[in-house]
Structure formats: structure tokens, C-alpha cells
mmCIF file of all heavy atoms, coordinates in Angstrom:
data_MODEL
# 
_entry.id   MODEL 
# 
loop_
_atom_site.group_PDB 
_atom_site.id 
_atom_site.type_symbol 
_atom_site.label_atom_id 
_atom_site.label_alt_id 
_atom_site.label_comp_id 
_atom_site.label_asym_id 
_atom_site.label_entity_id 
_atom_site.label_seq_id 
_atom_site.pdbx_PDB_ins_code 
_atom_site.Cartn_x 
_atom_site.Cartn_y 
_atom_site.Cartn_z 
_atom_site.occupancy 
_atom_site.B_iso_or_equiv 
_atom_site.pdbx_formal_charge 
_atom_site.auth_seq_id 
_atom_site.auth_comp_id 
_atom_site.auth_asym_id 
_atom_site.auth_atom_id 
_atom_site.pdbx_PDB_model_num 
ATOM 1   N N   . LEU A 1 1  ? -16.799 -9.325  20.369 1.00 0.00 ? 1  LEU A N   1 
ATOM 2   C CA  . LEU A 1 1  ? -16.770 -9.462  19.022 1.00 0.00 ? 1  LEU A CA  1 
ATOM 3   C C   . LEU A 1 1  ? -18.075 -9.931  18.405 1.00 0.00 ? 1  LEU A C   1 
ATOM 4   O O   . LEU A 1 1  ? -18.444 -9.282  17.403 1.00 0.00 ? 1  LEU A O   1 
ATOM 5   C CB  . LEU A 1 1  ? -15.644 -10.473 18.654 1.00 0.00 ? 1  LEU A CB  1 
ATOM 6   C CG  . LEU A 1 1  ? -15.479 -10.779 17.140 1.00 0.00 ? 1  LEU A CG  1 
ATOM 7   C CD1 . LEU A 1 1  ? -15.146 -9.436  16.427 1.00 0.00 ? 1  LEU A CD1 1 
ATOM 8   C CD2 . LEU A 1 1  ? -14.385 -11.721 17.001 1.00 0.00 ? 1  LEU A CD2 1 
ATOM 9   N N   . GLU A 1 2  ? -18.732 -10.889 19.091 1.00 0.00 ? 2  GLU A N   1 
ATOM 10  C CA  . GLU A 1 2  ? -20.135 -11.237 18.471 1.00 0.00 ? 2  GLU A CA  1 
ATOM 11  C C   . GLU A 1 2  ? -21.117 -10.111 18.416 1.00 0.00 ? 2  GLU A C   1 
ATOM 12  O O   . GLU A 1 2  ? -21.803 -9.939  17.394 1.00 0.00 ? 2  GLU A O   1 
ATOM 13  C CB  . GLU A 1 2  ? -20.630 -12.342 19.384 1.00 0.00 ? 2  GLU A CB  1 
ATOM 14  C CG  . GLU A 1 2  ? -21.983 -12.930 19.039 1.00 0.00 ? 2  GLU A CG  1 
ATOM 15  C CD  . GLU A 1 2  ? -22.663 -13.820 19.948 1.00 0.00 ? 2  GLU A CD  1 
ATOM 16  O OE1 . GLU A 1 2  ? -22.172 -14.063 21.031 1.00 0.00 ? 2  GLU A OE1 1 
ATOM 17  O OE2 . GLU A 1 2  ? -23.709 -14.374 19.549 1.00 0.00 ? 2  GLU A OE2 1 
ATOM 18  N N   . ALA A 1 3  ? -21.095 -9.193  19.576 1.00 0.00 ? 3  ALA A N   1 
ATOM 19  C CA  . ALA A 1 3  ? -22.025 -8.026  19.587 1.00 0.00 ? 3  ALA A CA  1 
ATOM 20  C C   . ALA A 1 3  ? -21.599 -7.067  18.520 1.00 0.00 ? 3  ALA A C   1 
ATOM 21  O O   . ALA A 1 3  ? -22.474 -6.558  17.883 1.00 0.00 ? 3  ALA A O   1 
ATOM 22  C CB  . ALA A 1 3  ? -21.993 -7.443  20.945 1.00 0.00 ? 3  ALA A CB  1 
ATOM 23  N N   . LEU A 1 4  ? -20.343 -6.775  18.323 1.00 0.00 ? 4  LEU A N   1 
ATOM 24  C CA  . LEU A 1 4  ? -19.904 -5.907  17.297 1.00 0.00 ? 4  LEU A CA  1 
ATOM 25  C C   . LEU A 1 4  ? -20.203 -6.384  15.777 1.00 0.00 ? 4  LEU A C   1 
ATOM 26  O O   . LEU A 1 4  ? -20.700 -5.623  15.056 1.00 0.00 ? 4  LEU A O   1 
ATOM 27  C CB  . LEU A 1 4  ? -18.366 -5.639  17.357 1.00 0.00 ? 4  LEU A CB  1 
ATOM 28  C CG  . LEU A 1 4  ? -17.971 -4.836  18.612 1.00 0.00 ? 4  LEU A CG  1 
ATOM 29  C CD1 . LEU A 1 4  ? -16.519 -4.676  18.614 1.00 0.00 ? 4  LEU A CD1 1 
ATOM 30  C CD2 . LEU A 1 4  ? -18.521 -3.388  18.254 1.00 0.00 ? 4  LEU A CD2 1 
ATOM 31  N N   . MET A 1 5  ? -20.115 -7.723  15.611 1.00 0.00 ? 5  MET A N   1 
ATOM 32  C CA  . MET A 1 5  ? -20.465 -8.283  14.326 1.00 0.00 ? 5  MET A CA  1 
ATOM 33  C C   . MET A 1 5  ? -21.885 -8.145  13.998 1.00 0.00 ? 5  MET A C   1 
ATOM 34  O O   . MET A 1 5  ? -22.311 -7.977  12.861 1.00 0.00 ? 5  MET A O   1 
ATOM 35  C CB  . MET A 1 5  ? -19.955 -9.733  14.217 1.00 0.00 ? 5  MET A CB  1 
ATOM 36  C CG  . MET A 1 5  ? -18.412 -9.784  14.156 1.00 0.00 ? 5  MET A CG  1 
ATOM 37  S SD  . MET A 1 5  ? -17.785 -11.422 14.163 1.00 0.00 ? 5  MET A SD  1 
ATOM 38  C CE  . MET A 1 5  ? -18.427 -12.131 12.736 1.00 0.00 ? 5  MET A CE  1 
ATOM 39  N N   . ARG A 1 6  ? -22.762 -8.401  15.108 1.00 0.00 ? 6  ARG A N   1 
ATOM 40  C CA  . ARG A 1 6  ? -24.081 -8.278  14.918 1.00 0.00 ? 6  ARG A CA  1 
ATOM 41  C C   . ARG A 1 6  ? -24.484 -6.785  14.531 1.00 0.00 ? 6  ARG A C   1 
ATOM 42  O O   . ARG A 1 6  ? -25.385 -6.586  13.603 1.00 0.00 ? 6  ARG A O   1 
ATOM 43  C CB  . ARG A 1 6  ? -24.941 -8.742  16.135 1.00 0.00 ? 6  ARG A CB  1 
ATOM 44  C CG  . ARG A 1 6  ? -25.015 -10.155 16.389 1.00 0.00 ? 6  ARG A CG  1 
ATOM 45  C CD  . ARG A 1 6  ? -25.755 -10.465 17.619 1.00 0.00 ? 6  ARG A CD  1 
ATOM 46  N NE  . ARG A 1 6  ? -25.557 -11.797 18.054 1.00 0.00 ? 6  ARG A NE  1 
ATOM 47  C CZ  . ARG A 1 6  ? -26.422 -12.879 17.710 1.00 0.00 ? 6  ARG A CZ  1 
ATOM 48  N NH1 . ARG A 1 6  ? -27.526 -12.522 17.041 1.00 0.00 ? 6  ARG A NH1 1 
ATOM 49  N NH2 . ARG A 1 6  ? -26.166 -14.149 18.106 1.00 0.00 ? 6  ARG A NH2 1 
ATOM 50  N N   . LEU A 1 7  ? -23.959 -5.901  15.275 1.00 0.00 ? 7  LEU A N   1 
ATOM 51  C CA  . LEU A 1 7  ? -24.267 -4.511  15.080 1.00 0.00 ? 7  LEU A CA  1 
ATOM 52  C C   . LEU A 1 7  ? -23.769 -4.083  13.761 1.00 0.00 ? 7  LEU A C   1 
ATOM 53  O O   . LEU A 1 7  ? -24.508 -3.364  12.887 1.00 0.00 ? 7  LEU A O   1 
ATOM 54  C CB  . LEU A 1 7  ? -23.449 -3.649  16.137 1.00 0.00 ? 7  LEU A CB  1 
ATOM 55  C CG  . LEU A 1 7  ? -23.642 -2.137  15.974 1.00 0.00 ? 7  LEU A CG  1 
ATOM 56  C CD1 . LEU A 1 7  ? -25.028 -1.625  16.047 1.00 0.00 ? 7  LEU A CD1 1 
ATOM 57  C CD2 . LEU A 1 7  ? -22.631 -1.420  16.879 1.00 0.00 ? 7  LEU A CD2 1 
ATOM 58  N N   . ALA A 1 8  ? -22.610 -4.518  13.300 1.00 0.00 ? 8  ALA A N   1 
ATOM 59  C CA  . ALA A 1 8  ? -22.055 -4.172  11.938 1.00 0.00 ? 8  ALA A CA  1 
ATOM 60  C C   . ALA A 1 8  ? -22.972 -4.766  10.895 1.00 0.00 ? 8  ALA A C   1 
ATOM 61  O O   . ALA A 1 8  ? -23.220 -4.163  9.859  1.00 0.00 ? 8  ALA A O   1 
ATOM 62  C CB  . ALA A 1 8  ? -20.611 -4.832  11.683 1.00 0.00 ? 8  ALA A CB  1 
ATOM 63  N N   . GLY A 1 9  ? -23.482 -5.962  11.066 1.00 0.00 ? 9  GLY A N   1 
ATOM 64  C CA  . GLY A 1 9  ? -24.303 -6.626  10.085 1.00 0.00 ? 9  GLY A CA  1 
ATOM 65  C C   . GLY A 1 9  ? -25.616 -5.885  9.892  1.00 0.00 ? 9  GLY A C   1 
ATOM 66  O O   . GLY A 1 9  ? -26.176 -5.695  8.706  1.00 0.00 ? 9  GLY A O   1 
ATOM 67  N N   . GLU A 1 10 ? -26.251 -5.318  11.033 1.00 0.00 ? 10 GLU A N   1 
ATOM 68  C CA  . GLU A 1 10 ? -27.440 -4.656  11.044 1.00 0.00 ? 10 GLU A CA  1 
ATOM 69  C C   . GLU A 1 10 ? -27.190 -3.323  10.297 1.00 0.00 ? 10 GLU A C   1 
ATOM 70  O O   . GLU A 1 10 ? -27.982 -2.850  9.510  1.00 0.00 ? 10 GLU A O   1 
ATOM 71  C CB  . GLU A 1 10 ? -27.914 -4.485  12.436 1.00 0.00 ? 10 GLU A CB  1 
ATOM 72  C CG  . GLU A 1 10 ? -28.515 -5.767  13.118 1.00 0.00 ? 10 GLU A CG  1 
ATOM 73  C CD  . GLU A 1 10 ? -28.800 -5.630  14.521 1.00 0.00 ? 10 GLU A CD  1 
ATOM 74  O OE1 . GLU A 1 10 ? -28.775 -4.351  14.917 1.00 0.00 ? 10 GLU A OE1 1 
ATOM 75  O OE2 . GLU A 1 10 ? -29.181 -6.632  15.114 1.00 0.00 ? 10 GLU A OE2 1 
ATOM 76  N N   . GLU A 1 11 ? -26.162 -2.679  10.670 1.00 0.00 ? 11 GLU A N   1 
ATOM 77  C CA  . GLU A 1 11 ? -25.870 -1.319  10.128 1.00 0.00 ? 11 GLU A CA  1 
ATOM 78  C C   . GLU A 1 11 ? -25.649 -1.404  8.593  1.00 0.00 ? 11 GLU A C   1 
ATOM 79  O O   . GLU A 1 11 ? -26.072 -0.638  7.754  1.00 0.00 ? 11 GLU A O   1 
ATOM 80  C CB  . GLU A 1 11 ? -24.706 -0.629  10.743 1.00 0.00 ? 11 GLU A CB  1 
ATOM 81  C CG  . GLU A 1 11 ? -24.978 -0.213  12.143 1.00 0.00 ? 11 GLU A CG  1 
ATOM 82  C CD  . GLU A 1 11 ? -25.932 0.954   12.177 1.00 0.00 ? 11 GLU A CD  1 
ATOM 83  O OE1 . GLU A 1 11 ? -25.954 1.783   11.187 1.00 0.00 ? 11 GLU A OE1 1 
ATOM 84  O OE2 . GLU A 1 11 ? -26.637 1.111   13.210 1.00 0.00 ? 11 GLU A OE2 1 
ATOM 85  N N   . ALA A 1 12 ? -24.902 -2.487  8.087  1.00 0.00 ? 12 ALA A N   1 
ATOM 86  C CA  . ALA A 1 12 ? -24.638 -2.672  6.733  1.00 0.00 ? 12 ALA A CA  1 
ATOM 87  C C   . ALA A 1 12 ? -25.850 -2.988  5.982  1.00 0.00 ? 12 ALA A C   1 
ATOM 88  O O   . ALA A 1 12 ? -25.983 -2.503  4.817  1.00 0.00 ? 12 ALA A O   1 
ATOM 89  C CB  . ALA A 1 12 ? -23.573 -3.855  6.559  1.00 0.00 ? 12 ALA A CB  1 
ATOM 90  N N   . LEU A 1 13 ? -26.813 -3.720  6.521  1.00 0.00 ? 13 LEU A N   1 
ATOM 91  C CA  . LEU A 1 13 ? -28.068 -3.989  5.895  1.00 0.00 ? 13 LEU A CA  1 
ATOM 92  C C   . LEU A 1 13 ? -28.903 -2.872  5.798  1.00 0.00 ? 13 LEU A C   1 
ATOM 93  O O   . LEU A 1 13 ? -29.524 -2.506  4.794  1.00 0.00 ? 13 LEU A O   1 
ATOM 94  C CB  . LEU A 1 13 ? -28.804 -5.042  6.768  1.00 0.00 ? 13 LEU A CB  1 
ATOM 95  C CG  . LEU A 1 13 ? -30.172 -5.647  6.076  1.00 0.00 ? 13 LEU A CG  1 
ATOM 96  C CD1 . LEU A 1 13 ? -29.846 -6.350  4.770  1.00 0.00 ? 13 LEU A CD1 1 
ATOM 97  C CD2 . LEU A 1 13 ? -30.659 -6.608  7.126  1.00 0.00 ? 13 LEU A CD2 1 
ATOM 98  N N   . MET A 1 14 ? -28.930 -1.996  6.868  1.00 0.00 ? 14 MET A N   1 
ATOM 99  C CA  . MET A 1 14 ? -29.869 -0.800  6.866  1.00 0.00 ? 14 MET A CA  1 
ATOM 100 C C   . MET A 1 14 ? -29.334 0.247   5.864  1.00 0.00 ? 14 MET A C   1 
ATOM 101 O O   . MET A 1 14 ? -30.166 0.946   5.420  1.00 0.00 ? 14 MET A O   1 
ATOM 102 C CB  . MET A 1 14 ? -29.931 -0.245  8.321  1.00 0.00 ? 14 MET A CB  1 
ATOM 103 C CG  . MET A 1 14 ? -30.815 -1.145  9.114  1.00 0.00 ? 14 MET A CG  1 
ATOM 104 S SD  . MET A 1 14 ? -30.909 -0.571  10.832 1.00 0.00 ? 14 MET A SD  1 
ATOM 105 C CE  . MET A 1 14 ? -31.540 1.012   10.713 1.00 0.00 ? 14 MET A CE  1 
ATOM 106 N N   . GLN A 1 15 ? -27.954 0.358   5.826  1.00 0.00 ? 15 GLN A N   1 
ATOM 107 C CA  . GLN A 1 15 ? -27.466 1.468   5.021  1.00 0.00 ? 15 GLN A CA  1 
ATOM 108 C C   . GLN A 1 15 ? -27.078 1.078   3.648  1.00 0.00 ? 15 GLN A C   1 
ATOM 109 O O   . GLN A 1 15 ? -26.511 1.770   2.818  1.00 0.00 ? 15 GLN A O   1 
ATOM 110 C CB  . GLN A 1 15 ? -26.228 2.092   5.791  1.00 0.00 ? 15 GLN A CB  1 
ATOM 111 C CG  . GLN A 1 15 ? -26.650 2.702   6.999  1.00 0.00 ? 15 GLN A CG  1 
ATOM 112 C CD  . GLN A 1 15 ? -25.364 3.528   7.716  1.00 0.00 ? 15 GLN A CD  1 
ATOM 113 O OE1 . GLN A 1 15 ? -24.307 3.527   7.141  1.00 0.00 ? 15 GLN A OE1 1 
ATOM 114 N NE2 . GLN A 1 15 ? -25.694 4.076   8.896  1.00 0.00 ? 15 GLN A NE2 1 
ATOM 115 N N   . GLY A 1 16 ? -27.115 -0.262  3.312  1.00 0.00 ? 16 GLY A N   1 
ATOM 116 C CA  . GLY A 1 16 ? -26.771 -0.757  2.019  1.00 0.00 ? 16 GLY A CA  1 
ATOM 117 C C   . GLY A 1 16 ? -25.259 -0.673  1.817  1.00 0.00 ? 16 GLY A C   1 
ATOM 118 O O   . GLY A 1 16 ? -24.849 -0.408  0.601  1.00 0.00 ? 16 GLY A O   1 
ATOM 119 N N   . ARG A 1 17 ? -24.343 -0.779  2.666  1.00 0.00 ? 17 ARG A N   1 
ATOM 120 C CA  . ARG A 1 17 ? -22.985 -0.809  2.544  1.00 0.00 ? 17 ARG A CA  1 
ATOM 121 C C   . ARG A 1 17 ? -22.355 -2.264  2.700  1.00 0.00 ? 17 ARG A C   1 
ATOM 122 O O   . ARG A 1 17 ? -22.946 -3.140  3.384  1.00 0.00 ? 17 ARG A O   1 
ATOM 123 C CB  . ARG A 1 17 ? -22.375 0.213   3.570  1.00 0.00 ? 17 ARG A CB  1 
ATOM 124 C CG  . ARG A 1 17 ? -22.727 1.625   3.402  1.00 0.00 ? 17 ARG A CG  1 
ATOM 125 C CD  . ARG A 1 17 ? -21.966 2.347   4.341  1.00 0.00 ? 17 ARG A CD  1 
ATOM 126 N NE  . ARG A 1 17 ? -22.178 3.767   4.165  1.00 0.00 ? 17 ARG A NE  1 
ATOM 127 C CZ  . ARG A 1 17 ? -21.599 4.744   4.839  1.00 0.00 ? 17 ARG A CZ  1 
ATOM 128 N NH1 . ARG A 1 17 ? -20.719 4.314   5.760  1.00 0.00 ? 17 ARG A NH1 1 
ATOM 129 N NH2 . ARG A 1 17 ? -21.931 5.975   4.505  1.00 0.00 ? 17 ARG A NH2 1 
ATOM 130 N N   . ASP A 1 18 ? -21.225 -2.457  2.253  1.00 0.00 ? 18 ASP A N   1 
ATOM 131 C CA  . ASP A 1 18 ? -20.551 -3.596  2.453  1.00 0.00 ? 18 ASP A CA  1 
ATOM 132 C C   . ASP A 1 18 ? -19.431 -3.453  3.498  1.00 0.00 ? 18 ASP A C   1 
ATOM 133 O O   . ASP A 1 18 ? -18.592 -2.704  3.314  1.00 0.00 ? 18 ASP A O   1 
ATOM 134 C CB  . ASP A 1 18 ? -19.940 -4.268  1.114  1.00 0.00 ? 18 ASP A CB  1 
ATOM 135 C CG  . ASP A 1 18 ? -20.814 -4.573  0.077  1.00 0.00 ? 18 ASP A CG  1 
ATOM 136 O OD1 . ASP A 1 18 ? -21.826 -5.063  0.369  1.00 0.00 ? 18 ASP A OD1 1 
ATOM 137 O OD2 . ASP A 1 18 ? -20.625 -4.257  -1.104 1.00 0.00 ? 18 ASP A OD2 1 
ATOM 138 N N   . LEU A 1 19 ? -19.601 -4.259  4.524  1.00 0.00 ? 19 LEU A N   1 
ATOM 139 C CA  . LEU A 1 19 ? -18.595 -4.180  5.626  1.00 0.00 ? 19 LEU A CA  1 
ATOM 140 C C   . LEU A 1 19 ? -17.946 -5.570  5.735  1.00 0.00 ? 19 LEU A C   1 
ATOM 141 O O   . LEU A 1 19 ? -18.551 -6.532  5.447  1.00 0.00 ? 19 LEU A O   1 
ATOM 142 C CB  . LEU A 1 19 ? -19.355 -3.875  6.974  1.00 0.00 ? 19 LEU A CB  1 
ATOM 143 C CG  . LEU A 1 19 ? -20.015 -2.474  7.106  1.00 0.00 ? 19 LEU A CG  1 
ATOM 144 C CD1 . LEU A 1 19 ? -20.615 -2.300  8.498  1.00 0.00 ? 19 LEU A CD1 1 
ATOM 145 C CD2 . LEU A 1 19 ? -18.905 -1.421  6.908  1.00 0.00 ? 19 LEU A CD2 1 
ATOM 146 N N   . GLY A 1 20 ? -16.632 -5.416  6.039  1.00 0.00 ? 20 GLY A N   1 
ATOM 147 C CA  . GLY A 1 20 ? -15.952 -6.675  6.299  1.00 0.00 ? 20 GLY A CA  1 
ATOM 148 C C   . GLY A 1 20 ? -15.200 -6.649  7.656  1.00 0.00 ? 20 GLY A C   1 
ATOM 149 O O   . GLY A 1 20 ? -15.067 -5.665  8.260  1.00 0.00 ? 20 GLY A O   1 
ATOM 150 N N   . LEU A 1 21 ? -14.687 -7.874  7.960  1.00 0.00 ? 21 LEU A N   1 
ATOM 151 C CA  . LEU A 1 21 ? -13.947 -7.977  9.316  1.00 0.00 ? 21 LEU A CA  1 
ATOM 152 C C   . LEU A 1 21 ? -12.465 -8.465  8.834  1.00 0.00 ? 21 LEU A C   1 
ATOM 153 O O   . LEU A 1 21 ? -12.272 -9.498  8.207  1.00 0.00 ? 21 LEU A O   1 
ATOM 154 C CB  . LEU A 1 21 ? -14.530 -9.002  10.149 1.00 0.00 ? 21 LEU A CB  1 
ATOM 155 C CG  . LEU A 1 21 ? -13.908 -9.215  11.489 1.00 0.00 ? 21 LEU A CG  1 
ATOM 156 C CD1 . LEU A 1 21 ? -13.911 -7.940  12.349 1.00 0.00 ? 21 LEU A CD1 1 
ATOM 157 C CD2 . LEU A 1 21 ? -14.578 -10.247 12.317 1.00 0.00 ? 21 LEU A CD2 1 
ATOM 158 N N   . TYR A 1 22 ? -11.549 -7.638  9.225  1.00 0.00 ? 22 TYR A N   1 
ATOM 159 C CA  . TYR A 1 22 ? -10.082 -8.057  8.906  1.00 0.00 ? 22 TYR A CA  1 
ATOM 160 C C   . TYR A 1 22 ? -9.622  -8.426  10.220 1.00 0.00 ? 22 TYR A C   1 
ATOM 161 O O   . TYR A 1 22 ? -9.528  -7.722  11.296 1.00 0.00 ? 22 TYR A O   1 
ATOM 162 C CB  . TYR A 1 22 ? -9.298  -6.862  8.460  1.00 0.00 ? 22 TYR A CB  1 
ATOM 163 C CG  . TYR A 1 22 ? -7.977  -7.079  8.057  1.00 0.00 ? 22 TYR A CG  1 
ATOM 164 C CD1 . TYR A 1 22 ? -7.651  -7.795  6.814  1.00 0.00 ? 22 TYR A CD1 1 
ATOM 165 C CD2 . TYR A 1 22 ? -6.852  -6.634  8.822  1.00 0.00 ? 22 TYR A CD2 1 
ATOM 166 C CE1 . TYR A 1 22 ? -6.341  -8.117  6.613  1.00 0.00 ? 22 TYR A CE1 1 
ATOM 167 C CE2 . TYR A 1 22 ? -5.568  -6.857  8.460  1.00 0.00 ? 22 TYR A CE2 1 
ATOM 168 C CZ  . TYR A 1 22 ? -5.266  -7.635  7.320  1.00 0.00 ? 22 TYR A CZ  1 
ATOM 169 O OH  . TYR A 1 22 ? -4.048  -7.840  7.085  1.00 0.00 ? 22 TYR A OH  1 
ATOM 170 N N   . ILE A 1 23 ? -9.126  -9.639  10.291 1.00 0.00 ? 23 ILE A N   1 
ATOM 171 C CA  . ILE A 1 23 ? -8.515  -10.394 11.574 1.00 0.00 ? 23 ILE A CA  1 
ATOM 172 C C   . ILE A 1 23 ? -7.056  -10.572 11.387 1.00 0.00 ? 23 ILE A C   1 
ATOM 173 O O   . ILE A 1 23 ? -6.583  -11.140 10.384 1.00 0.00 ? 23 ILE A O   1 
ATOM 174 C CB  . ILE A 1 23 ? -9.174  -11.642 11.825 1.00 0.00 ? 23 ILE A CB  1 
ATOM 175 C CG1 . ILE A 1 23 ? -10.714 -11.437 12.068 1.00 0.00 ? 23 ILE A CG1 1 
ATOM 176 C CG2 . ILE A 1 23 ? -8.631  -12.423 13.035 1.00 0.00 ? 23 ILE A CG2 1 
ATOM 177 C CD1 . ILE A 1 23 ? -11.415 -12.684 12.153 1.00 0.00 ? 23 ILE A CD1 1 
ATOM 178 N N   . GLU A 1 24 ? -6.259  -9.936  12.346 1.00 0.00 ? 24 GLU A N   1 
ATOM 179 C CA  . GLU A 1 24 ? -4.835  -10.104 12.429 1.00 0.00 ? 24 GLU A CA  1 
ATOM 180 C C   . GLU A 1 24 ? -4.469  -11.042 13.576 1.00 0.00 ? 24 GLU A C   1 
ATOM 181 O O   . GLU A 1 24 ? -5.479  -11.382 14.354 1.00 0.00 ? 24 GLU A O   1 
ATOM 182 C CB  . GLU A 1 24 ? -4.180  -8.783  12.543 1.00 0.00 ? 24 GLU A CB  1 
ATOM 183 C CG  . GLU A 1 24 ? -4.382  -7.923  11.291 1.00 0.00 ? 24 GLU A CG  1 
ATOM 184 C CD  . GLU A 1 24 ? -3.779  -6.423  11.484 1.00 0.00 ? 24 GLU A CD  1 
ATOM 185 O OE1 . GLU A 1 24 ? -3.081  -6.302  12.508 1.00 0.00 ? 24 GLU A OE1 1 
ATOM 186 O OE2 . GLU A 1 24 ? -4.087  -5.592  10.642 1.00 0.00 ? 24 GLU A OE2 1 
ATOM 187 N N   . GLU A 1 25 ? -3.243  -11.287 13.783 1.00 0.00 ? 25 GLU A N   1 
ATOM 188 C CA  . GLU A 1 25 ? -2.855  -12.112 14.925 1.00 0.00 ? 25 GLU A CA  1 
ATOM 189 C C   . GLU A 1 25 ? -3.293  -11.640 16.209 1.00 0.00 ? 25 GLU A C   1 
ATOM 190 O O   . GLU A 1 25 ? -3.694  -12.395 17.114 1.00 0.00 ? 25 GLU A O   1 
ATOM 191 C CB  . GLU A 1 25 ? -1.272  -12.337 14.832 1.00 0.00 ? 25 GLU A CB  1 
ATOM 192 C CG  . GLU A 1 25 ? -0.808  -13.320 15.841 1.00 0.00 ? 25 GLU A CG  1 
ATOM 193 C CD  . GLU A 1 25 ? 0.638   -13.547 15.820 1.00 0.00 ? 25 GLU A CD  1 
ATOM 194 O OE1 . GLU A 1 25 ? 1.183   -13.577 14.639 1.00 0.00 ? 25 GLU A OE1 1 
ATOM 195 O OE2 . GLU A 1 25 ? 1.287   -13.899 16.827 1.00 0.00 ? 25 GLU A OE2 1 
ATOM 196 N N   . ASP A 1 26 ? -3.154  -10.367 16.532 1.00 0.00 ? 26 ASP A N   1 
ATOM 197 C CA  . ASP A 1 26 ? -3.382  -9.796  17.850 1.00 0.00 ? 26 ASP A CA  1 
ATOM 198 C C   . ASP A 1 26 ? -4.523  -8.723  17.894 1.00 0.00 ? 26 ASP A C   1 
ATOM 199 O O   . ASP A 1 26 ? -4.818  -8.138  18.986 1.00 0.00 ? 26 ASP A O   1 
ATOM 200 C CB  . ASP A 1 26 ? -2.154  -9.148  18.441 1.00 0.00 ? 26 ASP A CB  1 
ATOM 201 C CG  . ASP A 1 26 ? -1.614  -8.052  17.576 1.00 0.00 ? 26 ASP A CG  1 
ATOM 202 O OD1 . ASP A 1 26 ? -2.029  -7.993  16.373 1.00 0.00 ? 26 ASP A OD1 1 
ATOM 203 O OD2 . ASP A 1 26 ? -0.798  -7.274  18.075 1.00 0.00 ? 26 ASP A OD2 1 
ATOM 204 N N   . ARG A 1 27 ? -5.298  -8.533  16.819 1.00 0.00 ? 27 ARG A N   1 
ATOM 205 C CA  . ARG A 1 27 ? -6.385  -7.649  16.754 1.00 0.00 ? 27 ARG A CA  1 
ATOM 206 C C   . ARG A 1 27 ? -7.266  -7.850  15.606 1.00 0.00 ? 27 ARG A C   1 
ATOM 207 O O   . ARG A 1 27 ? -6.999  -8.772  14.775 1.00 0.00 ? 27 ARG A O   1 
ATOM 208 C CB  . ARG A 1 27 ? -5.848  -6.158  16.725 1.00 0.00 ? 27 ARG A CB  1 
ATOM 209 C CG  . ARG A 1 27 ? -5.195  -5.813  15.538 1.00 0.00 ? 27 ARG A CG  1 
ATOM 210 C CD  . ARG A 1 27 ? -4.626  -4.404  15.498 1.00 0.00 ? 27 ARG A CD  1 
ATOM 211 N NE  . ARG A 1 27 ? -3.958  -4.191  14.271 1.00 0.00 ? 27 ARG A NE  1 
ATOM 212 C CZ  . ARG A 1 27 ? -3.946  -2.932  13.692 1.00 0.00 ? 27 ARG A CZ  1 
ATOM 213 N NH1 . ARG A 1 27 ? -4.396  -1.883  14.298 1.00 0.00 ? 27 ARG A NH1 1 
ATOM 214 N NH2 . ARG A 1 27 ? -3.265  -2.815  12.451 1.00 0.00 ? 27 ARG A NH2 1 
# 
């Protein structure tokens, strides 16, 4: 999860998009 969040943060910054993380009980 840490690696995916870093990747998503870098991609959002490079492409100028807003990404979010939705957390449920089991996923």
C-alpha cells in the first residue's frame, strides 16, 4: 500500500490530476 500510494502521488503530480484513496473494511 505504501508503494502504491507513492506511485499514485507521483503520477498525480506529473499529470496534474487529483487522486484519492477510498478505504473500506476489507479493501
